[in-house]
Amino acid sequence: MSPTRSVIGLLFRSASHCAFIHADGRPCPQPLIEWEQGYPTKAVDVAHIRSASPDGPRHDPDYTDTDSFDNLLLACQKHHRMIDYPKRGEVVYPIELCDEWKRRQVAQPGLPPEVLSTSAMAEITRQVEAKLQALTVPDFEVELLGGFTVEGQFMIPTRLESEGATRMELADSERYLGVHVVNRGLAGATIATVGIEFAVSDQQLPPYSYELFPMALQLPDTVRYQGGARVLSKASRTWWSLPGARHLAHCALVQQEQHGRPPTLIRAAAFLESTDPITPGPWIPLEPVLRHLMTPVEPLERQEFTLPLHTS
């Protein structure tokens, strides 16, 4: 949920500058809107006094209308970050203090209609909605990686082509397939599971469920726990498969048996804890991936691995 357009309009028409007040009583002078050649640009963020999220600052489970006018402040980006800083923000800037700032901000002289025209308010509303969407809608990038272990416990990621593939071929240890998830957005979200998808040319095959990415991955000298995880803004995480080509080849063989044609393409997929979709990674050829995962104890000549590698 987000504030309605009428609430956004009321916020900007009932104040003139940032709500933050320093400990010595000085108000932040940052105006709500800056103008350049008659074009308005919002100079503040919409900040929540009580967070809607249980993990957010100043969350009150009994306060349900978190996008109401009374629960929102307009604060410049610097002070918005201070107010909502994890853990510290709600201690230094509790609900009572923010409520007092709200009363003082409403008492500020609002922008008159001749300054904040209907068209200007429409543009400010568009900017606010775009920022709120960026703060609430996850933006993930997903890709397949290769990997191998060092000293039995440290996973080294590599690309599945060019130099990365060469590094894996030179590695003496087991080789792994990884689903790498990067959060490019401003909103964190929980990745519940990851997986792989197959295709023949440009025809995607139906999803096939296989425990390729276990919650507890046994490495030679340690166990790597990799269940669902929250990926914060600008952060990343990689989930690793069972080692070697055997398991991926099994998936490909099952697809061939079910659909009469061996898959030729593969891509990474990730799934949010919510129902919001994540765009899968790019399609890449399956055969090089299988070859990169082969170890000296898994020669290509073994029949169970050669079937997925041929399309004729």
C-alpha atoms as a PDB file:
ATOM      1  CA  MET A   1       0.000   0.000   0.000  1.00  0.00           C
ATOM      2  CA  SER A   2       0.971   3.643  -0.542  1.00  0.00           C
ATOM      3  CA  PRO A   3      -0.564   7.002   0.355  1.00  0.00           C
ATOM      4  CA  THR A   4      -3.411   8.074  -1.887  1.00  0.00           C
ATOM      5  CA  ARG A   5      -2.983  11.010  -4.226  1.00  0.00           C
ATOM      6  CA  SER A   6      -5.274  13.113  -2.068  1.00  0.00           C
ATOM      7  CA  VAL A   7      -3.072  12.426   0.982  1.00  0.00           C
ATOM      8  CA  ILE A   8       0.066  13.311  -0.988  1.00  0.00           C
ATOM      9  CA  GLY A   9      -1.546  16.560  -2.120  1.00  0.00           C
ATOM     10  CA  LEU A  10      -2.590  17.433   1.433  1.00  0.00           C
ATOM     11  CA  LEU A  11       0.926  16.765   2.731  1.00  0.00           C
ATOM     12  CA  PHE A  12       2.538  19.200   0.298  1.00  0.00           C
ATOM     13  CA  ARG A  13      -0.155  21.859   0.606  1.00  0.00           C
ATOM     14  CA  SER A  14      -0.081  21.923   4.412  1.00  0.00           C
ATOM     15  CA  ALA A  15       3.659  22.553   4.925  1.00  0.00           C
ATOM     16  CA  SER A  16       6.614  24.405   3.482  1.00  0.00           C
ATOM     17  CA  HIS A  17       9.820  22.678   4.670  1.00  0.00           C
ATOM     18  CA  CYS A  18      11.314  19.499   6.165  1.00  0.00           C
ATOM     19  CA  ALA A  19       9.759  18.267   9.423  1.00  0.00           C
ATOM     20  CA  PHE A  20      13.087  17.509  11.149  1.00  0.00           C
ATOM     21  CA  ILE A  21      13.943  19.601  14.207  1.00  0.00           C
ATOM     22  CA  HIS A  22      17.449  19.538  15.679  1.00  0.00           C
ATOM     23  CA  ALA A  23      18.053  18.917  19.380  1.00  0.00           C
ATOM     24  CA  ASP A  24      18.740  22.642  19.892  1.00  0.00           C
ATOM     25  CA  GLY A  25      15.345  23.520  18.398  1.00  0.00           C
ATOM     26  CA  ARG A  26      16.520  24.564  14.925  1.00  0.00           C
ATOM     27  CA  PRO A  27      14.172  23.355  12.164  1.00  0.00           C
ATOM     28  CA  CYS A  28      15.582  21.988   8.936  1.00  0.00           C
ATOM     29  CA  PRO A  29      15.113  24.765   6.345  1.00  0.00           C
ATOM     30  CA  GLN A  30      14.987  22.420   3.297  1.00  0.00           C
ATOM     31  CA  PRO A  31      11.941  23.462   1.221  1.00  0.00           C
ATOM     32  CA  LEU A  32       9.549  20.767   0.051  1.00  0.00           C
ATOM     33  CA  ILE A  33       9.904  21.705  -3.603  1.00  0.00           C
ATOM     34  CA  GLU A  34      12.709  23.178  -5.658  1.00  0.00           C
ATOM     35  CA  TRP A  35      12.001  24.979  -8.911  1.00  0.00           C
ATOM     36  CA  GLU A  36      14.139  25.157 -12.028  1.00  0.00           C
ATOM     37  CA  GLN A  37      12.854  27.235 -14.916  1.00  0.00           C
ATOM     38  CA  GLY A  38       9.320  26.788 -13.661  1.00  0.00           C
ATOM     39  CA  TYR A  39       9.624  22.992 -13.333  1.00  0.00           C
ATOM     40  CA  PRO A  40       8.938  21.558  -9.847  1.00  0.00           C
ATOM     41  CA  THR A  41      11.106  18.857  -8.284  1.00  0.00           C
ATOM     42  CA  LYS A  42      10.308  17.356  -4.911  1.00  0.00           C
ATOM     43  CA  ALA A  43      13.134  17.885  -2.432  1.00  0.00           C
ATOM     44  CA  VAL A  44      11.763  15.711   0.380  1.00  0.00           C
ATOM     45  CA  ASP A  45      10.605  12.144   0.982  1.00  0.00           C
ATOM     46  CA  VAL A  46       7.369  10.865   2.437  1.00  0.00           C
ATOM     47  CA  ALA A  47       8.424   9.326   5.767  1.00  0.00           C
ATOM     48  CA  HIS A  48       6.325   7.100   8.021  1.00  0.00           C
ATOM     49  CA  ILE A  49       6.108   7.830  11.717  1.00  0.00           C
ATOM     50  CA  ARG A  50       4.977   4.254  12.397  1.00  0.00           C
ATOM     51  CA  SER A  51       6.279   1.672   9.946  1.00  0.00           C
ATOM     52  CA  ALA A  52       3.847  -0.717   8.291  1.00  0.00           C
ATOM     53  CA  SER A  53       6.456  -3.491   8.428  1.00  0.00           C
ATOM     54  CA  PRO A  54       7.122  -5.331  11.701  1.00  0.00           C
ATOM     55  CA  ASP A  55      10.816  -5.040  10.865  1.00  0.00           C
ATOM     56  CA  GLY A  56      10.618  -1.288  10.244  1.00  0.00           C
ATOM     57  CA  PRO A  57      11.252   1.606  12.620  1.00  0.00           C
ATOM     58  CA  ARG A  58       8.592   2.506  15.196  1.00  0.00           C
ATOM     59  CA  HIS A  59       6.217  -0.281  14.160  1.00  0.00           C
ATOM     60  CA  ASP A  60       2.983  -0.287  16.171  1.00  0.00           C
ATOM     61  CA  PRO A  61       0.864  -3.422  15.596  1.00  0.00           C
ATOM     62  CA  ASP A  62      -2.230  -1.596  16.841  1.00  0.00           C
ATOM     63  CA  TYR A  63      -1.830   1.216  14.312  1.00  0.00           C
ATOM     64  CA  THR A  64      -3.252  -0.066  11.035  1.00  0.00           C
ATOM     65  CA  ASP A  65      -3.663   3.015   8.815  1.00  0.00           C
ATOM     66  CA  THR A  66       0.041   3.630   8.311  1.00  0.00           C
ATOM     67  CA  ASP A  67      -0.462   5.545   5.031  1.00  0.00           C
ATOM     68  CA  SER A  68      -2.809   8.089   6.591  1.00  0.00           C
ATOM     69  CA  PHE A  69      -2.058  11.820   6.658  1.00  0.00           C
ATOM     70  CA  ASP A  70      -1.526  11.769  10.440  1.00  0.00           C
ATOM     71  CA  ASN A  71       1.209   9.099  10.182  1.00  0.00           C
ATOM     72  CA  LEU A  72       3.271  10.778   7.458  1.00  0.00           C
ATOM     73  CA  LEU A  73       5.993  13.397   7.536  1.00  0.00           C
ATOM     74  CA  LEU A  74       7.801  15.203   4.747  1.00  0.00           C
ATOM     75  CA  ALA A  75      11.540  15.027   5.442  1.00  0.00           C
ATOM     76  CA  CYS A  76      14.611  15.746   3.336  1.00  0.00           C
ATOM     77  CA  GLN A  77      16.620  12.703   2.250  1.00  0.00           C
ATOM     78  CA  LYS A  78      19.378  13.278   4.810  1.00  0.00           C
ATOM     79  CA  HIS A  79      17.009  13.457   7.762  1.00  0.00           C
ATOM     80  CA  HIS A  80      14.773  10.704   6.405  1.00  0.00           C
ATOM     81  CA  ARG A  81      17.780   8.363   6.520  1.00  0.00           C
ATOM     82  CA  MET A  82      18.525   9.440  10.084  1.00  0.00           C
ATOM     83  CA  ILE A  83      14.921   8.957  11.238  1.00  0.00           C
ATOM     84  CA  ASP A  84      14.667   5.479   9.705  1.00  0.00           C
ATOM     85  CA  TYR A  85      18.221   4.268  10.337  1.00  0.00           C
ATOM     86  CA  PRO A  86      17.988   0.579  11.345  1.00  0.00           C
ATOM     87  CA  LYS A  87      17.685   0.035  15.098  1.00  0.00           C
ATOM     88  CA  ARG A  88      19.094   3.445  16.034  1.00  0.00           C
ATOM     89  CA  GLY A  89      16.419   5.555  14.340  1.00  0.00           C
ATOM     90  CA  GLU A  90      13.482   4.421  16.451  1.00  0.00           C
ATOM     91  CA  VAL A  91      15.504   4.898  19.644  1.00  0.00           C
ATOM     92  CA  VAL A  92      16.722   8.417  18.916  1.00  0.00           C
ATOM     93  CA  TYR A  93      13.519   9.484  17.147  1.00  0.00           C
ATOM     94  CA  PRO A  94      10.616   7.723  18.920  1.00  0.00           C
ATOM     95  CA  ILE A  95       6.948   7.967  17.973  1.00  0.00           C
ATOM     96  CA  GLU A  96       6.269  10.746  20.494  1.00  0.00           C
ATOM     97  CA  LEU A  97       8.970  12.977  19.028  1.00  0.00           C
ATOM     98  CA  CYS A  98       7.868  12.324  15.445  1.00  0.00           C
ATOM     99  CA  ASP A  99       4.247  13.058  16.371  1.00  0.00           C
ATOM    100  CA  GLU A 100       5.376  16.409  17.762  1.00  0.00           C
ATOM    101  CA  TRP A 101       7.242  17.125  14.517  1.00  0.00           C
ATOM    102  CA  LYS A 102       4.032  16.296  12.649  1.00  0.00           C
ATOM    103  CA  ARG A 103       2.068  18.849  14.677  1.00  0.00           C
ATOM    104  CA  ARG A 104       4.697  21.486  13.993  1.00  0.00           C
ATOM    105  CA  GLN A 105       4.915  20.679  10.294  1.00  0.00           C
ATOM    106  CA  VAL A 106       1.145  21.048   9.896  1.00  0.00           C
ATOM    107  CA  ALA A 107       1.472  24.440  11.605  1.00  0.00           C
ATOM    108  CA  GLN A 108       3.915  25.619   8.931  1.00  0.00           C
ATOM    109  CA  PRO A 109       2.538  28.008   6.313  1.00  0.00           C
ATOM    110  CA  GLY A 110       1.451  25.851   3.393  1.00  0.00           C
ATOM    111  CA  LEU A 111       2.215  26.555  -0.245  1.00  0.00           C
ATOM    112  CA  PRO A 112      -0.514  28.740  -1.790  1.00  0.00           C
ATOM    113  CA  PRO A 113      -2.438  27.533  -4.878  1.00  0.00           C
ATOM    114  CA  GLU A 114      -0.794  30.159  -7.101  1.00  0.00           C
ATOM    115  CA  VAL A 115       2.586  28.578  -6.284  1.00  0.00           C
ATOM    116  CA  LEU A 116       1.549  24.929  -6.183  1.00  0.00           C
ATOM    117  CA  SER A 117      -0.790  24.783  -9.162  1.00  0.00           C
ATOM    118  CA  THR A 118      -2.816  21.753 -10.185  1.00  0.00           C
ATOM    119  CA  SER A 119      -0.292  20.813 -12.874  1.00  0.00           C
ATOM    120  CA  ALA A 120       2.655  21.288 -10.493  1.00  0.00           C
ATOM    121  CA  MET A 121       0.955  19.157  -7.840  1.00  0.00           C
ATOM    122  CA  ALA A 122       0.298  16.449 -10.437  1.00  0.00           C
ATOM    123  CA  GLU A 123       4.019  16.364 -11.293  1.00  0.00           C
ATOM    124  CA  ILE A 124       5.039  16.238  -7.604  1.00  0.00           C
ATOM    125  CA  THR A 125       2.573  13.401  -7.033  1.00  0.00           C
ATOM    126  CA  ARG A 126       4.074  11.490  -9.954  1.00  0.00           C
ATOM    127  CA  GLN A 127       7.554  11.896  -8.491  1.00  0.00           C
ATOM    128  CA  VAL A 128       6.400  10.762  -5.039  1.00  0.00           C
ATOM    129  CA  GLU A 129       4.655   7.687  -6.441  1.00  0.00           C
ATOM    130  CA  ALA A 130       7.733   6.739  -8.466  1.00  0.00           C
ATOM    131  CA  LYS A 131       9.946   6.979  -5.376  1.00  0.00           C
ATOM    132  CA  LEU A 132       7.510   4.994  -3.234  1.00  0.00           C
ATOM    133  CA  GLN A 133       7.326   2.288  -5.884  1.00  0.00           C
ATOM    134  CA  ALA A 134      11.117   2.058  -5.957  1.00  0.00           C
ATOM    135  CA  LEU A 135      11.092   1.685  -2.167  1.00  0.00           C
ATOM    136  CA  THR A 136       8.485  -1.066  -2.133  1.00  0.00           C
ATOM    137  CA  VAL A 137       8.870  -3.034  -5.380  1.00  0.00           C
ATOM    138  CA  PRO A 138      11.889  -5.386  -5.466  1.00  0.00           C
ATOM    139  CA  ASP A 139      14.159  -5.278  -8.507  1.00  0.00           C
ATOM    140  CA  PHE A 140      16.234  -8.450  -8.816  1.00  0.00           C
ATOM    141  CA  GLU A 141      18.720  -9.746 -11.374  1.00  0.00           C
ATOM    142  CA  VAL A 142      19.264 -13.506 -11.584  1.00  0.00           C
ATOM    143  CA  GLU A 143      22.060 -15.451 -13.303  1.00  0.00           C
ATOM    144  CA  LEU A 144      23.801 -18.827 -13.303  1.00  0.00           C
ATOM    145  CA  LEU A 145      27.341 -19.074 -11.980  1.00  0.00           C
ATOM    146  CA  GLY A 146      29.887 -21.833 -11.725  1.00  0.00           C
ATOM    147  CA  GLY A 147      31.836 -22.478  -8.558  1.00  0.00           C
ATOM    148  CA  PHE A 148      34.404 -24.688  -6.854  1.00  0.00           C
ATOM    149  CA  THR A 149      35.692 -25.080  -3.338  1.00  0.00           C
ATOM    150  CA  VAL A 150      39.056 -24.095  -1.905  1.00  0.00           C
ATOM    151  CA  GLU A 151      40.422 -25.860   1.195  1.00  0.00           C
ATOM    152  CA  GLY A 152      37.196 -27.809   1.397  1.00  0.00           C
ATOM    153  CA  GLN A 153      35.055 -24.961   2.700  1.00  0.00           C
ATOM    154  CA  PHE A 154      35.395 -21.711   0.720  1.00  0.00           C
ATOM    155  CA  MET A 155      33.262 -21.435  -2.414  1.00  0.00           C
ATOM    156  CA  ILE A 156      34.868 -19.537  -5.322  1.00  0.00           C
ATOM    157  CA  PRO A 157      32.324 -18.259  -7.885  1.00  0.00           C
ATOM    158  CA  THR A 158      33.213 -18.141 -11.576  1.00  0.00           C
ATOM    159  CA  ARG A 159      31.496 -17.244 -14.814  1.00  0.00           C
ATOM    160  CA  LEU A 160      30.272 -20.135 -16.921  1.00  0.00           C
ATOM    161  CA  GLU A 161      32.078 -18.891 -19.989  1.00  0.00           C
ATOM    162  CA  SER A 162      35.502 -17.639 -21.084  1.00  0.00           C
ATOM    163  CA  GLU A 163      37.970 -17.181 -18.242  1.00  0.00           C
ATOM    164  CA  GLY A 164      35.570 -18.376 -15.572  1.00  0.00           C
ATOM    165  CA  ALA A 165      35.080 -21.681 -17.332  1.00  0.00           C
ATOM    166  CA  THR A 166      38.840 -22.099 -17.611  1.00  0.00           C
ATOM    167  CA  ARG A 167      39.248 -21.545 -13.875  1.00  0.00           C
ATOM    168  CA  MET A 168      36.742 -24.299 -13.172  1.00  0.00           C
ATOM    169  CA  GLU A 169      38.451 -26.696 -15.596  1.00  0.00           C
ATOM    170  CA  LEU A 170      41.737 -26.141 -13.781  1.00  0.00           C
ATOM    171  CA  ALA A 171      40.161 -26.740 -10.375  1.00  0.00           C
ATOM    172  CA  ASP A 172      40.828 -30.121  -8.771  1.00  0.00           C
ATOM    173  CA  SER A 173      37.852 -29.898  -6.414  1.00  0.00           C
ATOM    174  CA  GLU A 174      34.171 -30.588  -7.010  1.00  0.00           C
ATOM    175  CA  ARG A 175      32.374 -28.107  -9.239  1.00  0.00           C
ATOM    176  CA  TYR A 176      29.057 -26.495  -8.462  1.00  0.00           C
ATOM    177  CA  LEU A 177      26.260 -24.598 -10.163  1.00  0.00           C
ATOM    178  CA  GLY A 178      25.082 -21.402  -8.499  1.00  0.00           C
ATOM    179  CA  VAL A 179      21.983 -19.224  -8.769  1.00  0.00           C
ATOM    180  CA  HIS A 180      23.210 -15.694  -8.102  1.00  0.00           C
ATOM    181  CA  VAL A 181      20.599 -13.105  -7.090  1.00  0.00           C
ATOM    182  CA  VAL A 182      21.382  -9.360  -7.026  1.00  0.00           C
ATOM    183  CA  ASN A 183      18.954  -6.835  -5.542  1.00  0.00           C
ATOM    184  CA  ARG A 184      19.293  -3.731  -7.722  1.00  0.00           C
ATOM    185  CA  GLY A 185      16.350  -1.952  -6.105  1.00  0.00           C
ATOM    186  CA  LEU A 186      15.807  -0.005  -2.903  1.00  0.00           C
ATOM    187  CA  ALA A 187      13.469  -2.530  -1.268  1.00  0.00           C
ATOM    188  CA  GLY A 188      14.688  -5.663   0.434  1.00  0.00           C
ATOM    189  CA  ALA A 189      12.762  -8.912  -0.033  1.00  0.00           C
ATOM    190  CA  THR A 190      12.975 -12.546   0.976  1.00  0.00           C
ATOM    191  CA  ILE A 191      13.968 -15.123  -1.619  1.00  0.00           C
ATOM    192  CA  ALA A 192      12.127 -18.314  -0.679  1.00  0.00           C
ATOM    193  CA  THR A 193      13.628 -20.743  -3.196  1.00  0.00           C
ATOM    194  CA  VAL A 194      15.774 -20.874  -6.316  1.00  0.00           C
ATOM    195  CA  GLY A 195      15.869 -23.300  -9.209  1.00  0.00           C
ATOM    196  CA  ILE A 196      16.593 -23.856 -12.880  1.00  0.00           C
ATOM    197  CA  GLU A 197      14.446 -23.886 -16.016  1.00  0.00           C
ATOM    198  CA  PHE A 198      15.038 -25.689 -19.306  1.00  0.00           C
ATOM    199  CA  ALA A 199      14.115 -24.950 -22.901  1.00  0.00           C
ATOM    200  CA  VAL A 200      14.464 -26.470 -26.361  1.00  0.00           C
ATOM    201  CA  SER A 201      15.622 -23.646 -28.645  1.00  0.00           C
ATOM    202  CA  ASP A 202      13.197 -20.854 -27.712  1.00  0.00           C
ATOM    203  CA  GLN A 203      10.435 -23.144 -26.410  1.00  0.00           C
ATOM    204  CA  GLN A 204      10.376 -23.227 -22.621  1.00  0.00           C
ATOM    205  CA  LEU A 205       9.633 -26.619 -21.088  1.00  0.00           C
ATOM    206  CA  PRO A 206       7.209 -27.000 -18.155  1.00  0.00           C
ATOM    207  CA  PRO A 207       8.819 -26.492 -14.731  1.00  0.00           C
ATOM    208  CA  TYR A 208      10.459 -29.571 -13.249  1.00  0.00           C
ATOM    209  CA  SER A 209      10.906 -29.879  -9.502  1.00  0.00           C
ATOM    210  CA  TYR A 210      14.186 -31.349  -8.289  1.00  0.00           C
ATOM    211  CA  GLU A 211      16.137 -30.800  -5.083  1.00  0.00           C
ATOM    212  CA  LEU A 212      19.179 -29.421  -6.861  1.00  0.00           C
ATOM    213  CA  PHE A 213      19.792 -26.626  -4.315  1.00  0.00           C
ATOM    214  CA  PRO A 214      19.583 -28.189  -0.824  1.00  0.00           C
ATOM    215  CA  MET A 215      18.978 -26.129   2.306  1.00  0.00           C
ATOM    216  CA  ALA A 216      22.065 -27.707   3.865  1.00  0.00           C
ATOM    217  CA  LEU A 217      24.856 -28.213   1.321  1.00  0.00           C
ATOM    218  CA  GLN A 218      27.579 -30.586   2.477  1.00  0.00           C
ATOM    219  CA  LEU A 219      30.996 -29.302   1.399  1.00  0.00           C
ATOM    220  CA  PRO A 220      34.134 -31.393   1.942  1.00  0.00           C
ATOM    221  CA  ASP A 221      34.969 -29.824   5.311  1.00  0.00           C
ATOM    222  CA  THR A 222      31.859 -27.872   6.325  1.00  0.00           C
ATOM    223  CA  VAL A 223      28.109 -27.499   5.833  1.00  0.00           C
ATOM    224  CA  ARG A 224      26.698 -24.470   4.048  1.00  0.00           C
ATOM    225  CA  TYR A 225      23.166 -23.518   5.114  1.00  0.00           C
ATOM    226  CA  GLN A 226      21.278 -21.825   2.312  1.00  0.00           C
ATOM    227  CA  GLY A 227      17.537 -21.777   2.879  1.00  0.00           C
ATOM    228  CA  GLY A 228      15.290 -18.800   2.227  1.00  0.00           C
ATOM    229  CA  ALA A 229      17.035 -15.500   2.842  1.00  0.00           C
ATOM    230  CA  ARG A 230      16.300 -11.801   2.823  1.00  0.00           C
ATOM    231  CA  VAL A 231      18.362  -9.892   0.239  1.00  0.00           C
ATOM    232  CA  LEU A 232      18.709  -6.238   1.146  1.00  0.00           C
ATOM    233  CA  SER A 233      18.996  -3.310  -1.236  1.00  0.00           C
ATOM    234  CA  LYS A 234      22.182  -3.417  -3.381  1.00  0.00           C
ATOM    235  CA  ALA A 235      23.137  -6.768  -1.831  1.00  0.00           C
ATOM    236  CA  SER A 236      23.460 -10.217  -3.390  1.00  0.00           C
ATOM    237  CA  ARG A 237      23.357 -13.891  -2.468  1.00  0.00           C
ATOM    238  CA  THR A 238      24.234 -17.157  -4.195  1.00  0.00           C
ATOM    239  CA  TRP A 239      22.594 -20.552  -3.735  1.00  0.00           C
ATOM    240  CA  TRP A 240      24.786 -23.533  -4.688  1.00  0.00           C
ATOM    241  CA  SER A 241      23.744 -26.854  -6.189  1.00  0.00           C
ATOM    242  CA  LEU A 242      24.759 -30.355  -5.315  1.00  0.00           C
ATOM    243  CA  PRO A 243      28.269 -30.939  -6.739  1.00  0.00           C
ATOM    244  CA  GLY A 244      29.162 -32.267 -10.159  1.00  0.00           C
ATOM    245  CA  ALA A 245      27.190 -32.771 -13.337  1.00  0.00           C
ATOM    246  CA  ARG A 246      25.276 -35.870 -12.227  1.00  0.00           C
ATOM    247  CA  HIS A 247      22.279 -34.062 -10.724  1.00  0.00           C
ATOM    248  CA  LEU A 248      21.886 -31.479 -13.476  1.00  0.00           C
ATOM    249  CA  ALA A 249      22.181 -34.230 -16.088  1.00  0.00           C
ATOM    250  CA  HIS A 250      19.441 -36.152 -14.302  1.00  0.00           C
ATOM    251  CA  CYS A 251      17.143 -33.127 -14.564  1.00  0.00           C
ATOM    252  CA  ALA A 252      17.854 -32.850 -18.283  1.00  0.00           C
ATOM    253  CA  LEU A 253      17.221 -36.561 -18.825  1.00  0.00           C
ATOM    254  CA  VAL A 254      13.861 -36.379 -17.087  1.00  0.00           C
ATOM    255  CA  GLN A 255      12.895 -33.447 -19.284  1.00  0.00           C
ATOM    256  CA  GLN A 256      13.911 -35.440 -22.365  1.00  0.00           C
ATOM    257  CA  GLU A 257      11.876 -38.458 -21.282  1.00  0.00           C
ATOM    258  CA  GLN A 258       8.808 -36.344 -20.544  1.00  0.00           C
ATOM    259  CA  HIS A 259       8.846 -34.207 -23.673  1.00  0.00           C
ATOM    260  CA  GLY A 260      10.604 -36.330 -26.271  1.00  0.00           C
ATOM    261  CA  ARG A 261      13.367 -33.806 -26.950  1.00  0.00           C
ATOM    262  CA  PRO A 262      16.487 -33.081 -24.899  1.00  0.00           C
ATOM    263  CA  PRO A 263      16.715 -29.543 -23.520  1.00  0.00           C
ATOM    264  CA  THR A 264      19.372 -27.338 -25.078  1.00  0.00           C
ATOM    265  CA  LEU A 265      19.081 -24.196 -22.944  1.00  0.00           C
ATOM    266  CA  ILE A 266      19.118 -23.498 -19.226  1.00  0.00           C
ATOM    267  CA  ARG A 267      18.536 -20.453 -17.034  1.00  0.00           C
ATOM    268  CA  ALA A 268      18.396 -19.527 -13.354  1.00  0.00           C
ATOM    269  CA  ALA A 269      15.139 -18.774 -11.557  1.00  0.00           C
ATOM    270  CA  ALA A 270      14.371 -17.326  -8.129  1.00  0.00           C
ATOM    271  CA  PHE A 271      11.089 -17.055  -6.268  1.00  0.00           C
ATOM    272  CA  LEU A 272      10.035 -14.508  -3.677  1.00  0.00           C
ATOM    273  CA  GLU A 273       8.348 -15.350  -0.416  1.00  0.00           C
ATOM    274  CA  SER A 274       5.500 -13.195  -1.731  1.00  0.00           C
ATOM    275  CA  THR A 275       3.726 -13.886  -5.022  1.00  0.00           C
ATOM    276  CA  ASP A 276       5.508 -11.085  -6.892  1.00  0.00           C
ATOM    277  CA  PRO A 277       7.382 -12.507  -9.904  1.00  0.00           C
ATOM    278  CA  ILE A 278      11.117 -12.225 -10.527  1.00  0.00           C
ATOM    279  CA  THR A 279      12.372 -12.161 -14.095  1.00  0.00           C
ATOM    280  CA  PRO A 280      14.477 -15.322 -14.649  1.00  0.00           C
ATOM    281  CA  GLY A 281      18.066 -15.102 -15.816  1.00  0.00           C
ATOM    282  CA  PRO A 282      19.096 -15.217 -19.478  1.00  0.00           C
ATOM    283  CA  TRP A 283      19.003 -18.473 -21.419  1.00  0.00           C
ATOM    284  CA  ILE A 284      22.441 -20.015 -21.940  1.00  0.00           C
ATOM    285  CA  PRO A 285      23.445 -23.271 -23.725  1.00  0.00           C
ATOM    286  CA  LEU A 286      23.103 -26.351 -21.521  1.00  0.00           C
ATOM    287  CA  GLU A 287      25.985 -28.378 -22.971  1.00  0.00           C
ATOM    288  CA  PRO A 288      28.813 -26.036 -21.861  1.00  0.00           C
ATOM    289  CA  VAL A 289      27.281 -25.866 -18.378  1.00  0.00           C
ATOM    290  CA  LEU A 290      27.305 -29.650 -18.088  1.00  0.00           C
ATOM    291  CA  ARG A 291      30.867 -29.822 -19.390  1.00  0.00           C
ATOM    292  CA  HIS A 292      32.043 -27.190 -16.898  1.00  0.00           C
ATOM    293  CA  LEU A 293      30.534 -29.219 -14.066  1.00  0.00           C
ATOM    294  CA  MET A 294      32.307 -32.428 -15.090  1.00  0.00           C
ATOM    295  CA  THR A 295      35.132 -33.602 -12.848  1.00  0.00           C
ATOM    296  CA  PRO A 296      37.785 -36.208 -13.689  1.00  0.00           C
ATOM    297  CA  VAL A 297      35.606 -38.864 -12.019  1.00  0.00           C
ATOM    298  CA  GLU A 298      32.649 -37.979 -14.266  1.00  0.00           C
ATOM    299  CA  PRO A 299      33.877 -38.449 -17.869  1.00  0.00           C
ATOM    300  CA  LEU A 300      31.713 -37.229 -20.734  1.00  0.00           C
ATOM    301  CA  GLU A 301      31.712 -40.724 -22.261  1.00  0.00           C
ATOM    302  CA  ARG A 302      29.349 -42.021 -19.574  1.00  0.00           C
ATOM    303  CA  GLN A 303      25.991 -42.627 -21.222  1.00  0.00           C
ATOM    304  CA  GLU A 304      23.925 -40.987 -18.484  1.00  0.00           C
ATOM    305  CA  PHE A 305      25.687 -37.695 -19.167  1.00  0.00           C
ATOM    306  CA  THR A 306      25.840 -37.803 -22.934  1.00  0.00           C
ATOM    307  CA  LEU A 307      22.099 -38.001 -23.558  1.00  0.00           C
ATOM    308  CA  PRO A 308      21.338 -34.366 -22.685  1.00  0.00           C
ATOM    309  CA  LEU A 309      24.246 -33.166 -24.796  1.00  0.00           C
ATOM    310  CA  HIS A 310      22.883 -34.279 -28.181  1.00  0.00           C
ATOM    311  CA  THR A 311      19.858 -32.937 -30.045  1.00  0.00           C
ATOM    312  CA  SER A 312      19.811 -35.338 -32.995  1.00  0.00           C
END
